Amino acid sequence: MIKVLIVCHGNICRSPMGEFMLKKYVADRGLADQFEIASAATSREEIGNDIHYGARTTLKRYGFPFSPRHARQMTKKDYEYYDYLIGMDTANIRNMTRIAGGDPEGKIYKLLTFAGSGRDVADPWYTGDFEATYSDLCVGLAAFLEEITA
């Protein structure tokens, strides 16, 4: 079982989009039973809130199923449990590392590094551009899945 935690600032836009997109990607490949996929936040600002309207709309537009959920904050136990902890931007990586108390096992990654880029996935909470976020997630998640299933 490959356990993946996708992390962003508030766990209402980028990380739940990534969670549900990756779940569909692995299901489409017949690999759903080999993965456990979840998402979390680095902050406490949105704890308990569901997916942002813009994220839900984007997921629906592209045919990604999702379900109601509640934002939660990443914990140190998440670091111990998950095999891959994937953040969306440099600030997420810094905060994930702080929450985990370091990254001694090398499990924390920035999503677009799997696609050969050091670029951040922009936060649509601030940009309002869910399409750009969706495009970055498509590229990064496909590259991640390709790397770990190779």
N, C-alpha and C. Protein backbone atom coordinates (compact mmCIF):
# COMPACT_ATOMS: atom_id res chain seq x y z
N MET A 1 0.84 -1.18 0.00
CA MET A 1 0.00 0.00 0.00
C MET A 1 0.89 1.25 0.00
N ILE A 2 0.68 2.11 -0.96
CA ILE A 2 1.41 3.38 -1.05
C ILE A 2 0.52 4.46 -0.47
N LYS A 3 1.00 5.09 0.60
CA LYS A 3 0.21 6.09 1.32
C LYS A 3 0.71 7.49 0.96
N VAL A 4 -0.22 8.32 0.45
CA VAL A 4 0.12 9.65 -0.05
C VAL A 4 -0.74 10.69 0.66
N LEU A 5 -0.08 11.71 1.20
CA LEU A 5 -0.78 12.86 1.79
C LEU A 5 -0.43 14.08 0.97
N ILE A 6 -1.46 14.75 0.44
CA ILE A 6 -1.27 15.94 -0.36
C ILE A 6 -1.61 17.14 0.51
N VAL A 7 -0.71 18.12 0.54
CA VAL A 7 -0.81 19.20 1.52
C VAL A 7 -0.75 20.58 0.86
N CYS A 8 -1.62 21.48 1.34
CA CYS A 8 -1.54 22.89 0.95
C CYS A 8 -1.78 23.73 2.20
N HIS A 9 -1.96 25.01 2.02
CA HIS A 9 -2.10 25.91 3.17
C HIS A 9 -3.37 25.65 3.97
N GLY A 10 -4.53 25.64 3.30
CA GLY A 10 -5.79 25.56 4.04
C GLY A 10 -6.57 24.27 3.90
N ASN A 11 -6.19 23.41 2.95
CA ASN A 11 -6.86 22.14 2.69
C ASN A 11 -8.30 22.32 2.21
N ILE A 12 -8.52 23.39 1.42
CA ILE A 12 -9.83 23.58 0.82
C ILE A 12 -9.75 23.77 -0.69
N CYS A 13 -8.57 24.02 -1.24
CA CYS A 13 -8.44 24.24 -2.69
C CYS A 13 -7.49 23.22 -3.32
N ARG A 14 -6.19 23.50 -3.27
CA ARG A 14 -5.21 22.70 -3.99
C ARG A 14 -5.12 21.26 -3.51
N SER A 15 -5.00 21.06 -2.21
CA SER A 15 -4.79 19.68 -1.74
C SER A 15 -6.01 18.79 -1.91
N PRO A 16 -7.24 19.26 -1.65
CA PRO A 16 -8.36 18.36 -1.94
C PRO A 16 -8.53 18.12 -3.44
N MET A 17 -8.25 19.13 -4.27
CA MET A 17 -8.28 18.89 -5.71
C MET A 17 -7.28 17.80 -6.05
N GLY A 18 -6.06 17.91 -5.54
CA GLY A 18 -5.04 16.90 -5.78
C GLY A 18 -5.42 15.54 -5.26
N GLU A 19 -6.04 15.50 -4.09
CA GLU A 19 -6.48 14.22 -3.50
C GLU A 19 -7.46 13.51 -4.43
N PHE A 20 -8.50 14.20 -4.84
CA PHE A 20 -9.53 13.56 -5.66
C PHE A 20 -9.05 13.28 -7.08
N MET A 21 -8.20 14.13 -7.60
CA MET A 21 -7.63 13.87 -8.93
C MET A 21 -6.75 12.62 -8.90
N LEU A 22 -5.87 12.52 -7.89
CA LEU A 22 -4.99 11.36 -7.80
C LEU A 22 -5.79 10.08 -7.57
N LYS A 23 -6.85 10.16 -6.78
CA LYS A 23 -7.69 8.99 -6.56
C LYS A 23 -8.27 8.49 -7.88
N LYS A 24 -8.72 9.40 -8.73
CA LYS A 24 -9.27 9.00 -10.03
C LYS A 24 -8.16 8.46 -10.93
N TYR A 25 -7.00 9.11 -10.93
CA TYR A 25 -5.89 8.63 -11.77
C TYR A 25 -5.53 7.20 -11.42
N VAL A 26 -5.41 6.88 -10.12
CA VAL A 26 -5.03 5.51 -9.76
C VAL A 26 -6.18 4.54 -10.03
N ALA A 27 -7.42 4.97 -9.84
CA ALA A 27 -8.56 4.10 -10.15
C ALA A 27 -8.62 3.80 -11.65
N ASP A 28 -8.37 4.82 -12.47
CA ASP A 28 -8.39 4.62 -13.92
C ASP A 28 -7.31 3.65 -14.38
N ARG A 29 -6.23 3.53 -13.61
CA ARG A 29 -5.16 2.59 -13.94
C ARG A 29 -5.35 1.23 -13.28
N GLY A 30 -6.45 1.08 -12.54
CA GLY A 30 -6.70 -0.17 -11.84
C GLY A 30 -5.83 -0.36 -10.62
N LEU A 31 -5.37 0.74 -10.03
CA LEU A 31 -4.44 0.67 -8.91
C LEU A 31 -5.03 1.17 -7.59
N ALA A 32 -6.32 1.43 -7.56
CA ALA A 32 -6.94 2.04 -6.37
C ALA A 32 -6.67 1.24 -5.10
N ASP A 33 -6.64 -0.08 -5.20
CA ASP A 33 -6.43 -0.91 -4.02
C ASP A 33 -4.98 -0.89 -3.53
N GLN A 34 -4.10 -0.25 -4.29
CA GLN A 34 -2.69 -0.17 -3.90
C GLN A 34 -2.31 1.18 -3.30
N PHE A 35 -3.29 2.10 -3.21
CA PHE A 35 -3.02 3.45 -2.72
C PHE A 35 -3.99 3.85 -1.62
N GLU A 36 -3.47 4.60 -0.69
CA GLU A 36 -4.28 5.33 0.28
C GLU A 36 -3.92 6.79 0.09
N ILE A 37 -4.90 7.63 -0.22
CA ILE A 37 -4.66 9.02 -0.58
C ILE A 37 -5.53 9.92 0.27
N ALA A 38 -4.93 10.94 0.87
CA ALA A 38 -5.67 11.90 1.69
C ALA A 38 -5.04 13.27 1.49
N SER A 39 -5.61 14.27 2.15
CA SER A 39 -5.05 15.62 2.07
C SER A 39 -5.15 16.31 3.42
N ALA A 40 -4.35 17.37 3.57
CA ALA A 40 -4.32 18.11 4.83
C ALA A 40 -3.80 19.52 4.58
N ALA A 41 -3.85 20.33 5.63
CA ALA A 41 -3.39 21.72 5.60
C ALA A 41 -2.15 21.88 6.45
N THR A 42 -1.43 22.96 6.20
CA THR A 42 -0.36 23.32 7.13
C THR A 42 -0.86 24.32 8.17
N SER A 43 -1.97 25.00 7.88
CA SER A 43 -2.52 26.00 8.81
C SER A 43 -3.79 25.47 9.46
N ARG A 44 -4.31 26.23 10.40
CA ARG A 44 -5.55 25.86 11.08
C ARG A 44 -6.72 26.74 10.61
N GLU A 45 -6.47 27.62 9.68
CA GLU A 45 -7.46 28.64 9.29
C GLU A 45 -8.78 28.08 8.78
N GLU A 46 -8.75 26.99 8.06
CA GLU A 46 -9.96 26.45 7.42
C GLU A 46 -10.41 25.13 8.03
N ILE A 47 -9.86 24.76 9.19
CA ILE A 47 -10.18 23.48 9.81
C ILE A 47 -11.70 23.30 9.89
N GLY A 48 -12.18 22.15 9.42
CA GLY A 48 -13.59 21.83 9.47
C GLY A 48 -14.37 22.25 8.23
N ASN A 49 -13.79 23.11 7.40
CA ASN A 49 -14.49 23.57 6.20
C ASN A 49 -14.39 22.56 5.07
N ASP A 50 -15.40 22.57 4.20
CA ASP A 50 -15.44 21.70 3.03
C ASP A 50 -14.60 22.31 1.91
N ILE A 51 -14.56 21.64 0.79
CA ILE A 51 -13.81 22.10 -0.39
C ILE A 51 -14.38 23.43 -0.88
N HIS A 52 -13.49 24.33 -1.25
CA HIS A 52 -13.87 25.64 -1.79
C HIS A 52 -14.75 25.46 -3.02
N TYR A 53 -15.71 26.35 -3.19
CA TYR A 53 -16.64 26.30 -4.32
C TYR A 53 -15.90 26.22 -5.65
N GLY A 54 -14.87 27.04 -5.83
CA GLY A 54 -14.11 27.04 -7.08
C GLY A 54 -13.42 25.71 -7.35
N ALA A 55 -12.94 25.07 -6.30
CA ALA A 55 -12.30 23.76 -6.46
C ALA A 55 -13.35 22.71 -6.84
N ARG A 56 -14.52 22.75 -6.19
CA ARG A 56 -15.60 21.80 -6.53
C ARG A 56 -16.04 21.99 -7.98
N THR A 57 -16.20 23.23 -8.38
CA THR A 57 -16.64 23.53 -9.75
C THR A 57 -15.63 23.00 -10.77
N THR A 58 -14.36 23.19 -10.49
CA THR A 58 -13.31 22.73 -11.40
C THR A 58 -13.28 21.21 -11.46
N LEU A 59 -13.37 20.55 -10.33
CA LEU A 59 -13.39 19.08 -10.33
C LEU A 59 -14.58 18.55 -11.13
N LYS A 60 -15.75 19.15 -10.93
CA LYS A 60 -16.94 18.73 -11.68
C LYS A 60 -16.73 18.92 -13.18
N ARG A 61 -16.20 20.08 -13.56
CA ARG A 61 -16.01 20.41 -14.97
C ARG A 61 -15.18 19.35 -15.68
N TYR A 62 -14.17 18.81 -15.00
CA TYR A 62 -13.27 17.84 -15.62
C TYR A 62 -13.59 16.39 -15.26
N GLY A 63 -14.72 16.16 -14.62
CA GLY A 63 -15.17 14.80 -14.39
C GLY A 63 -14.49 14.06 -13.25
N PHE A 64 -14.02 14.79 -12.24
CA PHE A 64 -13.40 14.14 -11.09
C PHE A 64 -14.41 14.03 -9.96
N PRO A 65 -14.75 12.81 -9.55
CA PRO A 65 -15.69 12.65 -8.44
C PRO A 65 -15.03 13.11 -7.13
N PHE A 66 -15.84 13.63 -6.24
CA PHE A 66 -15.36 14.04 -4.92
C PHE A 66 -16.51 13.88 -3.94
N SER A 67 -16.19 13.95 -2.68
CA SER A 67 -17.21 13.82 -1.65
C SER A 67 -16.99 14.91 -0.60
N PRO A 68 -18.02 15.21 0.17
CA PRO A 68 -17.84 16.21 1.23
C PRO A 68 -16.74 15.77 2.18
N ARG A 69 -16.03 16.72 2.67
CA ARG A 69 -14.92 16.43 3.59
C ARG A 69 -14.69 17.63 4.47
N HIS A 70 -13.85 17.50 5.45
CA HIS A 70 -13.54 18.60 6.36
C HIS A 70 -12.03 18.83 6.36
N ALA A 71 -11.65 20.07 6.18
CA ALA A 71 -10.23 20.41 6.21
C ALA A 71 -9.65 20.03 7.56
N ARG A 72 -8.42 19.55 7.50
CA ARG A 72 -7.71 19.19 8.74
C ARG A 72 -6.26 19.59 8.60
N GLN A 73 -5.59 19.73 9.71
CA GLN A 73 -4.18 20.10 9.71
C GLN A 73 -3.30 18.85 9.76
N MET A 74 -2.22 18.91 9.01
CA MET A 74 -1.20 17.84 9.06
C MET A 74 -0.64 17.75 10.48
N THR A 75 -0.28 16.53 10.87
CA THR A 75 0.32 16.28 12.18
C THR A 75 1.65 15.56 12.03
N LYS A 76 2.39 15.50 13.10
CA LYS A 76 3.64 14.74 13.10
C LYS A 76 3.36 13.25 12.85
N LYS A 77 2.23 12.75 13.34
CA LYS A 77 1.87 11.35 13.10
C LYS A 77 1.65 11.08 11.62
N ASP A 78 1.17 12.10 10.88
CA ASP A 78 1.02 11.94 9.43
C ASP A 78 2.37 11.67 8.79
N TYR A 79 3.40 12.34 9.26
CA TYR A 79 4.73 12.11 8.71
C TYR A 79 5.14 10.66 8.91
N GLU A 80 4.87 10.15 10.08
CA GLU A 80 5.23 8.76 10.39
C GLU A 80 4.41 7.78 9.55
N TYR A 81 3.15 8.10 9.27
CA TYR A 81 2.23 7.18 8.61
C TYR A 81 2.37 7.14 7.09
N TYR A 82 2.47 8.31 6.47
CA TYR A 82 2.46 8.38 5.00
C TYR A 82 3.84 8.15 4.40
N ASP A 83 3.85 7.60 3.19
CA ASP A 83 5.10 7.37 2.46
C ASP A 83 5.54 8.61 1.70
N TYR A 84 4.57 9.35 1.18
CA TYR A 84 4.83 10.58 0.42
C TYR A 84 3.96 11.69 0.99
N LEU A 85 4.59 12.80 1.34
CA LEU A 85 3.87 13.99 1.79
C LEU A 85 4.21 15.07 0.77
N ILE A 86 3.22 15.45 -0.02
CA ILE A 86 3.45 16.30 -1.18
C ILE A 86 2.82 17.66 -0.97
N GLY A 87 3.68 18.69 -0.92
CA GLY A 87 3.22 20.06 -0.75
C GLY A 87 3.14 20.79 -2.08
N MET A 88 2.39 21.88 -2.07
CA MET A 88 2.13 22.64 -3.29
C MET A 88 3.12 23.78 -3.54
N ASP A 89 3.72 24.30 -2.48
CA ASP A 89 4.62 25.44 -2.66
C ASP A 89 5.71 25.45 -1.60
N THR A 90 6.63 26.36 -1.76
CA THR A 90 7.79 26.44 -0.87
C THR A 90 7.38 26.67 0.58
N ALA A 91 6.39 27.53 0.80
CA ALA A 91 5.92 27.78 2.17
C ALA A 91 5.31 26.51 2.77
N ASN A 92 4.56 25.75 1.96
CA ASN A 92 4.00 24.48 2.45
C ASN A 92 5.12 23.55 2.88
N ILE A 93 6.15 23.43 2.06
CA ILE A 93 7.26 22.52 2.38
C ILE A 93 7.93 22.93 3.69
N ARG A 94 8.17 24.23 3.84
CA ARG A 94 8.78 24.73 5.08
C ARG A 94 7.89 24.38 6.28
N ASN A 95 6.58 24.60 6.18
CA ASN A 95 5.68 24.34 7.29
C ASN A 95 5.48 22.85 7.53
N MET A 96 5.46 22.06 6.48
CA MET A 96 5.36 20.61 6.63
C MET A 96 6.57 20.07 7.38
N THR A 97 7.74 20.57 7.02
CA THR A 97 8.97 20.13 7.67
C THR A 97 8.97 20.53 9.15
N ARG A 98 8.46 21.73 9.43
CA ARG A 98 8.36 22.20 10.82
C ARG A 98 7.40 21.30 11.60
N ILE A 99 6.23 21.03 11.04
CA ILE A 99 5.24 20.19 11.72
C ILE A 99 5.80 18.79 11.97
N ALA A 100 6.51 18.25 10.99
CA ALA A 100 7.06 16.89 11.11
C ALA A 100 8.28 16.83 12.02
N GLY A 101 8.87 17.98 12.34
CA GLY A 101 10.09 17.99 13.13
C GLY A 101 11.30 17.63 12.30
N GLY A 102 11.25 17.99 11.01
CA GLY A 102 12.32 17.66 10.07
C GLY A 102 11.81 16.68 9.02
N ASP A 103 12.72 16.25 8.18
CA ASP A 103 12.37 15.26 7.14
C ASP A 103 13.48 14.22 7.05
N PRO A 104 13.71 13.50 8.16
CA PRO A 104 14.83 12.55 8.18
C PRO A 104 14.69 11.40 7.19
N GLU A 105 13.47 11.06 6.80
CA GLU A 105 13.26 9.94 5.88
C GLU A 105 13.10 10.40 4.43
N GLY A 106 13.19 11.70 4.18
CA GLY A 106 13.09 12.21 2.82
C GLY A 106 11.74 11.94 2.18
N LYS A 107 10.66 12.16 2.93
CA LYS A 107 9.31 11.87 2.44
C LYS A 107 8.55 13.11 1.99
N ILE A 108 9.10 14.29 2.21
CA ILE A 108 8.42 15.54 1.87
C ILE A 108 8.90 16.04 0.51
N TYR A 109 7.94 16.29 -0.39
CA TYR A 109 8.25 16.71 -1.76
C TYR A 109 7.36 17.89 -2.15
N LYS A 110 7.88 18.72 -3.04
CA LYS A 110 7.06 19.75 -3.68
C LYS A 110 6.54 19.14 -4.98
N LEU A 111 5.24 19.23 -5.23
CA LEU A 111 4.60 18.51 -6.32
C LEU A 111 5.29 18.66 -7.67
N LEU A 112 5.56 19.86 -8.09
CA LEU A 112 6.06 20.04 -9.45
C LEU A 112 7.51 19.59 -9.63
N THR A 113 8.21 19.23 -8.55
CA THR A 113 9.55 18.67 -8.72
C THR A 113 9.47 17.32 -9.45
N PHE A 114 8.35 16.62 -9.32
CA PHE A 114 8.19 15.35 -10.04
C PHE A 114 8.15 15.58 -11.54
N ALA A 115 7.76 16.80 -11.94
CA ALA A 115 7.69 17.16 -13.37
C ALA A 115 8.92 17.94 -13.80
N GLY A 116 9.96 17.94 -12.96
CA GLY A 116 11.21 18.60 -13.31
C GLY A 116 11.20 20.11 -13.14
N SER A 117 10.29 20.62 -12.31
CA SER A 117 10.19 22.06 -12.10
C SER A 117 10.25 22.38 -10.61
N GLY A 118 10.89 23.47 -10.28
CA GLY A 118 10.90 23.92 -8.89
C GLY A 118 9.79 24.91 -8.61
N ARG A 119 8.94 25.13 -9.60
CA ARG A 119 7.87 26.12 -9.50
C ARG A 119 6.81 25.70 -8.48
N ASP A 120 6.19 26.70 -7.85
CA ASP A 120 5.08 26.47 -6.93
C ASP A 120 3.78 26.31 -7.70
N VAL A 121 2.83 25.58 -7.13
CA VAL A 121 1.46 25.55 -7.64
C VAL A 121 0.76 26.74 -6.97
N ALA A 122 0.34 27.70 -7.77
CA ALA A 122 -0.26 28.92 -7.22
C ALA A 122 -1.56 28.60 -6.47
N ASP A 123 -1.78 29.34 -5.41
CA ASP A 123 -2.95 29.15 -4.57
C ASP A 123 -4.14 29.92 -5.15
N PRO A 124 -5.18 29.20 -5.63
CA PRO A 124 -6.31 29.89 -6.25
C PRO A 124 -7.15 30.68 -5.25
N TRP A 125 -6.95 30.46 -3.96
CA TRP A 125 -7.62 31.27 -2.95
C TRP A 125 -7.23 32.73 -3.16
N TYR A 126 -5.97 32.94 -3.54
CA TYR A 126 -5.46 34.30 -3.76
C TYR A 126 -5.55 34.72 -5.22
N THR A 127 -5.29 33.79 -6.15
CA THR A 127 -5.25 34.16 -7.57
C THR A 127 -6.63 34.13 -8.22
N GLY A 128 -7.53 33.31 -7.68
CA GLY A 128 -8.83 33.12 -8.29
C GLY A 128 -8.78 32.26 -9.55
N ASP A 129 -7.59 31.78 -9.91
CA ASP A 129 -7.40 31.04 -11.16
C ASP A 129 -7.33 29.53 -10.89
N PHE A 130 -8.49 28.92 -10.77
CA PHE A 130 -8.55 27.48 -10.51
C PHE A 130 -8.10 26.67 -11.72
N GLU A 131 -8.24 27.24 -12.91
CA GLU A 131 -7.79 26.55 -14.13
C GLU A 131 -6.27 26.36 -14.14
N ALA A 132 -5.54 27.40 -13.75
CA ALA A 132 -4.07 27.29 -13.70
C ALA A 132 -3.66 26.26 -12.65
N THR A 133 -4.34 26.27 -11.52
CA THR A 133 -4.05 25.28 -10.48
C THR A 133 -4.35 23.88 -10.98
N TYR A 134 -5.49 23.72 -11.64
CA TYR A 134 -5.85 22.42 -12.20
C TYR A 134 -4.78 21.94 -13.18
N SER A 135 -4.33 22.80 -14.06
CA SER A 135 -3.30 22.42 -15.04
C SER A 135 -2.02 21.98 -14.35
N ASP A 136 -1.59 22.73 -13.34
CA ASP A 136 -0.38 22.35 -12.60
C ASP A 136 -0.56 21.01 -11.91
N LEU A 137 -1.73 20.80 -11.32
CA LEU A 137 -2.00 19.52 -10.65
C LEU A 137 -1.97 18.37 -11.65
N CYS A 138 -2.55 18.57 -12.82
CA CYS A 138 -2.51 17.52 -13.86
C CYS A 138 -1.08 17.12 -14.17
N VAL A 139 -0.23 18.10 -14.39
CA VAL A 139 1.17 17.85 -14.75
C VAL A 139 1.91 17.17 -13.60
N GLY A 140 1.81 17.76 -12.42
CA GLY A 140 2.54 17.23 -11.27
C GLY A 140 2.09 15.86 -10.83
N LEU A 141 0.79 15.64 -10.77
CA LEU A 141 0.27 14.33 -10.34
C LEU A 141 0.58 13.24 -11.35
N ALA A 142 0.47 13.55 -12.63
CA ALA A 142 0.81 12.56 -13.66
C ALA A 142 2.28 12.18 -13.56
N ALA A 143 3.15 13.16 -13.36
CA ALA A 143 4.59 12.89 -13.24
C ALA A 143 4.87 12.08 -11.97
N PHE A 144 4.21 12.42 -10.87
CA PHE A 144 4.37 11.67 -9.62
C PHE A 144 3.96 10.22 -9.82
N LEU A 145 2.79 10.01 -10.39
CA LEU A 145 2.29 8.65 -10.61
C LEU A 145 3.19 7.87 -11.55
N GLU A 146 3.69 8.52 -12.57
CA GLU A 146 4.60 7.86 -13.50
C GLU A 146 5.88 7.43 -12.80
N GLU A 147 6.40 8.31 -11.95
CA GLU A 147 7.66 7.99 -11.25
C GLU A 147 7.51 6.83 -10.28
N ILE A 148 6.43 6.83 -9.51
CA ILE A 148 6.32 5.78 -8.48
C ILE A 148 5.81 4.45 -9.03
N THR A 149 5.23 4.46 -10.23
CA THR A 149 4.76 3.19 -10.80
C THR A 149 5.74 2.65 -11.84
N ALA A 150 6.81 3.38 -12.10
CA ALA A 150 7.79 2.94 -13.11
C ALA A 150 8.55 1.71 -12.63
